[in-house]
PDB file of all heavy atoms in Angstrom:
ATOM      1  N   THR A   1       0.827  -1.203   0.000  1.00  0.00           N
ATOM      2  CA  THR A   1       0.000   0.000   0.000  1.00  0.00           C
ATOM      3  C   THR A   1       0.864   1.257   0.000  1.00  0.00           C
ATOM      4  O   THR A   1       2.072   1.211   0.269  1.00  0.00           O
ATOM      5  CB  THR A   1      -0.925   0.054   1.229  1.00  0.00           C
ATOM      6  OG1 THR A   1      -0.149   0.384   2.389  1.00  0.00           O
ATOM      7  CG2 THR A   1      -1.639  -1.265   1.436  1.00  0.00           C
ATOM      8  N   ASP A   2       0.221   2.382  -0.249  1.00  0.00           N
ATOM      9  CA  ASP A   2       0.930   3.662  -0.201  1.00  0.00           C
ATOM     10  C   ASP A   2       1.406   3.999   1.199  1.00  0.00           C
ATOM     11  O   ASP A   2       2.306   4.836   1.371  1.00  0.00           O
ATOM     12  CB  ASP A   2       0.007   4.793  -0.683  1.00  0.00           C
ATOM     13  CG  ASP A   2      -0.417   4.630  -2.133  1.00  0.00           C
ATOM     14  OD1 ASP A   2       0.187   3.794  -2.841  1.00  0.00           O
ATOM     15  OD2 ASP A   2      -1.354   5.326  -2.560  1.00  0.00           O
ATOM     16  N   TRP A   3       0.795   3.383   2.210  1.00  0.00           N
ATOM     17  CA  TRP A   3       1.163   3.639   3.602  1.00  0.00           C
ATOM     18  C   TRP A   3       2.311   2.768   4.086  1.00  0.00           C
ATOM     19  O   TRP A   3       2.776   2.935   5.217  1.00  0.00           O
ATOM     20  CB  TRP A   3      -0.055   3.415   4.506  1.00  0.00           C
ATOM     21  CG  TRP A   3      -1.175   4.361   4.243  1.00  0.00           C
ATOM     22  CD1 TRP A   3      -2.328   4.108   3.548  1.00  0.00           C
ATOM     23  CD2 TRP A   3      -1.254   5.729   4.636  1.00  0.00           C
ATOM     24  NE1 TRP A   3      -3.127   5.227   3.486  1.00  0.00           N
ATOM     25  CE2 TRP A   3      -2.488   6.245   4.147  1.00  0.00           C
ATOM     26  CE3 TRP A   3      -0.404   6.579   5.349  1.00  0.00           C
ATOM     27  CZ2 TRP A   3      -2.884   7.561   4.356  1.00  0.00           C
ATOM     28  CZ3 TRP A   3      -0.812   7.892   5.557  1.00  0.00           C
ATOM     29  CH2 TRP A   3      -2.034   8.361   5.071  1.00  0.00           C
ATOM     30  N   CYS A   4       2.769   1.849   3.281  1.00  0.00           N
ATOM     31  CA  CYS A   4       3.853   0.942   3.683  1.00  0.00           C
ATOM     32  C   CYS A   4       5.179   1.685   3.562  1.00  0.00           C
ATOM     33  O   CYS A   4       5.736   1.817   2.469  1.00  0.00           O
ATOM     34  CB  CYS A   4       3.827  -0.318   2.829  1.00  0.00           C
ATOM     35  SG  CYS A   4       2.351  -1.337   3.103  1.00  0.00           S
ATOM     36  N   SER A   5       5.677   2.165   4.686  1.00  0.00           N
ATOM     37  CA  SER A   5       6.837   3.064   4.702  1.00  0.00           C
ATOM     38  C   SER A   5       8.144   2.409   5.094  1.00  0.00           C
ATOM     39  O   SER A   5       9.200   3.057   5.062  1.00  0.00           O
ATOM     40  CB  SER A   5       6.562   4.220   5.668  1.00  0.00           C
ATOM     41  OG  SER A   5       6.260   3.729   6.975  1.00  0.00           O
ATOM     42  N   HIS A   6       8.107   1.144   5.471  1.00  0.00           N
ATOM     43  CA  HIS A   6       9.341   0.447   5.877  1.00  0.00           C
ATOM     44  C   HIS A   6       9.448  -0.870   5.118  1.00  0.00           C
ATOM     45  O   HIS A   6       8.441  -1.565   4.971  1.00  0.00           O
ATOM     46  CB  HIS A   6       9.335   0.177   7.380  1.00  0.00           C
ATOM     47  CG  HIS A   6       9.590   1.402   8.199  1.00  0.00           C
ATOM     48  ND1 HIS A   6       8.639   2.383   8.377  1.00  0.00           N
ATOM     49  CD2 HIS A   6      10.684   1.818   8.892  1.00  0.00           C
ATOM     50  CE1 HIS A   6       9.136   3.328   9.148  1.00  0.00           C
ATOM     51  NE2 HIS A   6      10.361   3.010   9.468  1.00  0.00           N
ATOM     52  N   PRO A   7      10.660  -1.187   4.658  1.00  0.00           N
ATOM     53  CA  PRO A   7      11.885  -0.381   4.736  1.00  0.00           C
ATOM     54  C   PRO A   7      11.802   0.859   3.855  1.00  0.00           C
ATOM     55  O   PRO A   7      10.983   0.928   2.927  1.00  0.00           O
ATOM     56  CB  PRO A   7      12.967  -1.350   4.250  1.00  0.00           C
ATOM     57  CG  PRO A   7      12.243  -2.289   3.343  1.00  0.00           C
ATOM     58  CD  PRO A   7      10.884  -2.460   3.948  1.00  0.00           C
ATOM     59  N   ALA A   8      12.671   1.824   4.153  1.00  0.00           N
ATOM     60  CA  ALA A   8      12.609   3.114   3.459  1.00  0.00           C
ATOM     61  C   ALA A   8      12.877   2.999   1.967  1.00  0.00           C
ATOM     62  O   ALA A   8      12.394   3.807   1.177  1.00  0.00           O
ATOM     63  CB  ALA A   8      13.615   4.076   4.102  1.00  0.00           C
ATOM     64  N   ASP A   9      13.638   1.993   1.575  1.00  0.00           N
ATOM     65  CA  ASP A   9      13.997   1.828   0.157  1.00  0.00           C
ATOM     66  C   ASP A   9      13.085   0.826  -0.558  1.00  0.00           C
ATOM     67  O   ASP A   9      13.442   0.307  -1.617  1.00  0.00           O
ATOM     68  CB  ASP A   9      15.456   1.392   0.024  1.00  0.00           C
ATOM     69  CG  ASP A   9      15.740   0.052   0.702  1.00  0.00           C
ATOM     70  OD1 ASP A   9      14.858  -0.456   1.431  1.00  0.00           O
ATOM     71  OD2 ASP A   9      16.855  -0.477   0.506  1.00  0.00           O
ATOM     72  N   LEU A  10      11.919   0.574  -0.011  1.00  0.00           N
ATOM     73  CA  LEU A  10      10.999  -0.394  -0.605  1.00  0.00           C
ATOM     74  C   LEU A  10      10.633   0.014  -2.033  1.00  0.00           C
ATOM     75  O   LEU A  10      10.145   1.112  -2.270  1.00  0.00           O
ATOM     76  CB  LEU A  10       9.731  -0.495   0.256  1.00  0.00           C
ATOM     77  CG  LEU A  10       8.709  -1.540  -0.170  1.00  0.00           C
ATOM     78  CD1 LEU A  10       9.280  -2.942  -0.028  1.00  0.00           C
ATOM     79  CD2 LEU A  10       7.438  -1.404   0.683  1.00  0.00           C
ATOM     80  N   ASP A  11      10.872  -0.878  -2.968  1.00  0.00           N
ATOM     81  CA  ASP A  11      10.634  -0.586  -4.383  1.00  0.00           C
ATOM     82  C   ASP A  11       9.724  -1.657  -4.970  1.00  0.00           C
ATOM     83  O   ASP A  11      10.185  -2.620  -5.588  1.00  0.00           O
ATOM     84  CB  ASP A  11      11.970  -0.516  -5.140  1.00  0.00           C
ATOM     85  CG  ASP A  11      11.790  -0.132  -6.602  1.00  0.00           C
ATOM     86  OD1 ASP A  11      10.724   0.424  -6.935  1.00  0.00           O
ATOM     87  OD2 ASP A  11      12.713  -0.409  -7.395  1.00  0.00           O
ATOM     88  N   VAL A  12       8.425  -1.498  -4.741  1.00  0.00           N
ATOM     89  CA  VAL A  12       7.432  -2.426  -5.268  1.00  0.00           C
ATOM     90  C   VAL A  12       6.250  -1.618  -5.804  1.00  0.00           C
ATOM     91  O   VAL A  12       6.136  -0.417  -5.560  1.00  0.00           O
ATOM     92  CB  VAL A  12       6.934  -3.411  -4.182  1.00  0.00           C
ATOM     93  CG1 VAL A  12       8.074  -4.272  -3.660  1.00  0.00           C
ATOM     94  CG2 VAL A  12       6.251  -2.655  -3.036  1.00  0.00           C
ATOM     95  N   ALA A  13       5.359  -2.284  -6.519  1.00  0.00           N
ATOM     96  CA  ALA A  13       4.163  -1.614  -7.024  1.00  0.00           C
ATOM     97  C   ALA A  13       3.285  -1.174  -5.852  1.00  0.00           C
ATOM     98  O   ALA A  13       3.143  -1.894  -4.867  1.00  0.00           O
ATOM     99  CB  ALA A  13       3.383  -2.563  -7.930  1.00  0.00           C
ATOM    100  N   ARG A  14       2.707   0.014  -5.979  1.00  0.00           N
ATOM    101  CA  ARG A  14       1.828   0.536  -4.923  1.00  0.00           C
ATOM    102  C   ARG A  14       0.372   0.362  -5.344  1.00  0.00           C
ATOM    103  O   ARG A  14       0.019   0.583  -6.505  1.00  0.00           O
ATOM    104  CB  ARG A  14       2.135   2.010  -4.673  1.00  0.00           C
ATOM    105  CG  ARG A  14       3.569   2.251  -4.196  1.00  0.00           C
ATOM    106  CD  ARG A  14       3.831   1.656  -2.817  1.00  0.00           C
ATOM    107  NE  ARG A  14       5.211   1.864  -2.372  1.00  0.00           N
ATOM    108  CZ  ARG A  14       5.597   1.847  -1.101  1.00  0.00           C
ATOM    109  NH1 ARG A  14       4.699   1.619  -0.146  1.00  0.00           N
ATOM    110  NH2 ARG A  14       6.864   2.041  -0.792  1.00  0.00           N
ATOM    111  N   VAL A  15      -0.468  -0.031  -4.385  1.00  0.00           N
ATOM    112  CA  VAL A  15      -1.853  -0.382  -4.691  1.00  0.00           C
ATOM    113  C   VAL A  15      -2.842   0.452  -3.870  1.00  0.00           C
ATOM    114  O   VAL A  15      -3.854  -0.033  -3.419  1.00  0.00           O
ATOM    115  CB  VAL A  15      -2.098  -1.893  -4.479  1.00  0.00           C
ATOM    116  CG1 VAL A  15      -1.272  -2.719  -5.453  1.00  0.00           C
ATOM    117  CG2 VAL A  15      -1.794  -2.313  -3.037  1.00  0.00           C
ATOM    118  N   ARG A  16      -2.522   1.735  -3.682  1.00  0.00           N
ATOM    119  CA  ARG A  16      -3.325   2.680  -2.895  1.00  0.00           C
ATOM    120  C   ARG A  16      -3.295   2.313  -1.412  1.00  0.00           C
ATOM    121  O   ARG A  16      -2.308   1.794  -0.906  1.00  0.00           O
ATOM    122  CB  ARG A  16      -4.751   2.791  -3.436  1.00  0.00           C
ATOM    123  CG  ARG A  16      -4.868   3.547  -4.727  1.00  0.00           C
ATOM    124  CD  ARG A  16      -6.230   4.161  -4.968  1.00  0.00           C
ATOM    125  NE  ARG A  16      -7.350   3.280  -4.792  1.00  0.00           N
ATOM    126  CZ  ARG A  16      -8.170   2.893  -5.774  1.00  0.00           C
ATOM    127  NH1 ARG A  16      -7.948   3.319  -7.016  1.00  0.00           N
ATOM    128  NH2 ARG A  16      -9.190   2.092  -5.530  1.00  0.00           N
ATOM    129  N   GLY A  17      -4.380   2.650  -0.676  1.00  0.00           N
ATOM    130  CA  GLY A  17      -4.343   2.545   0.772  1.00  0.00           C
ATOM    131  C   GLY A  17      -4.887   1.258   1.345  1.00  0.00           C
ATOM    132  O   GLY A  17      -5.385   0.384   0.625  1.00  0.00           O
ATOM    133  N   THR A  18      -4.827   1.174   2.668  1.00  0.00           N
ATOM    134  CA  THR A  18      -5.324  -0.021   3.351  1.00  0.00           C
ATOM    135  C   THR A  18      -6.848  -0.108   3.285  1.00  0.00           C
ATOM    136  O   THR A  18      -7.414  -1.203   3.257  1.00  0.00           O
ATOM    137  CB  THR A  18      -4.890  -0.024   4.827  1.00  0.00           C
ATOM    138  OG1 THR A  18      -5.371   1.168   5.464  1.00  0.00           O
ATOM    139  CG2 THR A  18      -3.372  -0.066   4.944  1.00  0.00           C
ATOM    140  N   LYS A  19      -7.515   1.053   3.270  1.00  0.00           N
ATOM    141  CA  LYS A  19      -8.980   1.079   3.258  1.00  0.00           C
ATOM    142  C   LYS A  19      -9.568   1.204   1.851  1.00  0.00           C
ATOM    143  O   LYS A  19     -10.769   1.001   1.677  1.00  0.00           O
ATOM    144  CB  LYS A  19      -9.484   2.260   4.109  1.00  0.00           C
ATOM    145  CG  LYS A  19      -8.983   2.272   5.542  1.00  0.00           C
ATOM    146  CD  LYS A  19      -9.448   1.066   6.329  1.00  0.00           C
ATOM    147  CE  LYS A  19      -9.044   1.195   7.802  1.00  0.00           C
ATOM    148  NZ  LYS A  19      -9.341  -0.022   8.580  1.00  0.00           N
ATOM    149  N   ASN A  20      -8.737   1.564   0.880  1.00  0.00           N
ATOM    150  CA  ASN A  20      -9.245   1.716  -0.498  1.00  0.00           C
ATOM    151  C   ASN A  20      -8.269   1.135  -1.519  1.00  0.00           C
ATOM    152  O   ASN A  20      -7.847   1.820  -2.445  1.00  0.00           O
ATOM    153  CB  ASN A  20      -9.519   3.190  -0.814  1.00  0.00           C
ATOM    154  CG  ASN A  20      -8.235   4.020  -0.820  1.00  0.00           C
ATOM    155  OD1 ASN A  20      -7.247   3.663  -0.182  1.00  0.00           O
ATOM    156  ND2 ASN A  20      -8.240   5.114  -1.555  1.00  0.00           N
ATOM    157  N   PRO A  21      -7.872  -0.127  -1.346  1.00  0.00           N
ATOM    158  CA  PRO A  21      -6.888  -0.703  -2.266  1.00  0.00           C
ATOM    159  C   PRO A  21      -7.417  -0.767  -3.698  1.00  0.00           C
ATOM    160  O   PRO A  21      -8.627  -0.918  -3.919  1.00  0.00           O
ATOM    161  CB  PRO A  21      -6.650  -2.107  -1.699  1.00  0.00           C
ATOM    162  CG  PRO A  21      -7.927  -2.432  -0.973  1.00  0.00           C
ATOM    163  CD  PRO A  21      -8.381  -1.133  -0.386  1.00  0.00           C
ATOM    164  N   ASP A  22      -6.509  -0.655  -4.643  1.00  0.00           N
ATOM    165  CA  ASP A  22      -6.852  -0.777  -6.060  1.00  0.00           C
ATOM    166  C   ASP A  22      -6.911  -2.275  -6.382  1.00  0.00           C
ATOM    167  O   ASP A  22      -5.882  -2.913  -6.637  1.00  0.00           O
ATOM    168  CB  ASP A  22      -5.797  -0.078  -6.906  1.00  0.00           C
ATOM    169  CG  ASP A  22      -6.153  -0.043  -8.380  1.00  0.00           C
ATOM    170  OD1 ASP A  22      -6.881  -0.934  -8.838  1.00  0.00           O
ATOM    171  OD2 ASP A  22      -5.665   0.865  -9.071  1.00  0.00           O
ATOM    172  N   LEU A  23      -8.098  -2.818  -6.362  1.00  0.00           N
ATOM    173  CA  LEU A  23      -8.254  -4.265  -6.518  1.00  0.00           C
ATOM    174  C   LEU A  23      -7.800  -4.741  -7.893  1.00  0.00           C
ATOM    175  O   LEU A  23      -7.200  -5.821  -8.018  1.00  0.00           O
ATOM    176  CB  LEU A  23      -9.709  -4.670  -6.269  1.00  0.00           C
ATOM    177  CG  LEU A  23     -10.287  -4.279  -4.907  1.00  0.00           C
ATOM    178  CD1 LEU A  23     -11.684  -4.856  -4.747  1.00  0.00           C
ATOM    179  CD2 LEU A  23      -9.387  -4.737  -3.769  1.00  0.00           C
ATOM    180  N   ASP A  24      -8.046  -3.963  -8.934  1.00  0.00           N
ATOM    181  CA  ASP A  24      -7.602  -4.359 -10.269  1.00  0.00           C
ATOM    182  C   ASP A  24      -6.079  -4.373 -10.353  1.00  0.00           C
ATOM    183  O   ASP A  24      -5.496  -5.260 -10.980  1.00  0.00           O
ATOM    184  CB  ASP A  24      -8.177  -3.410 -11.322  1.00  0.00           C
ATOM    185  CG  ASP A  24      -9.666  -3.628 -11.543  1.00  0.00           C
ATOM    186  OD1 ASP A  24     -10.140  -4.751 -11.283  1.00  0.00           O
ATOM    187  OD2 ASP A  24     -10.354  -2.681 -11.958  1.00  0.00           O
ATOM    188  N   ALA A  25      -5.434  -3.389  -9.715  1.00  0.00           N
ATOM    189  CA  ALA A  25      -3.971  -3.354  -9.710  1.00  0.00           C
ATOM    190  C   ALA A  25      -3.408  -4.572  -8.991  1.00  0.00           C
ATOM    191  O   ALA A  25      -2.395  -5.146  -9.414  1.00  0.00           O
ATOM    192  CB  ALA A  25      -3.485  -2.065  -9.060  1.00  0.00           C
ATOM    193  N   ILE A  26      -4.060  -4.966  -7.903  1.00  0.00           N
ATOM    194  CA  ILE A  26      -3.617  -6.157  -7.172  1.00  0.00           C
ATOM    195  C   ILE A  26      -3.744  -7.393  -8.052  1.00  0.00           C
ATOM    196  O   ILE A  26      -2.821  -8.213  -8.133  1.00  0.00           O
ATOM    197  CB  ILE A  26      -4.431  -6.319  -5.878  1.00  0.00           C
ATOM    198  CG1 ILE A  26      -4.133  -5.169  -4.912  1.00  0.00           C
ATOM    199  CG2 ILE A  26      -4.124  -7.673  -5.216  1.00  0.00           C
ATOM    200  CD1 ILE A  26      -5.060  -5.124  -3.711  1.00  0.00           C
TER     201      ILE A  26
END
């Protein structure tokens, strides 16, 4: 999710928030 802040160098696809995830992106 966009709120996943650790580790600081995390380089993965972002799927919006915990309460409004982008289900199609997932």
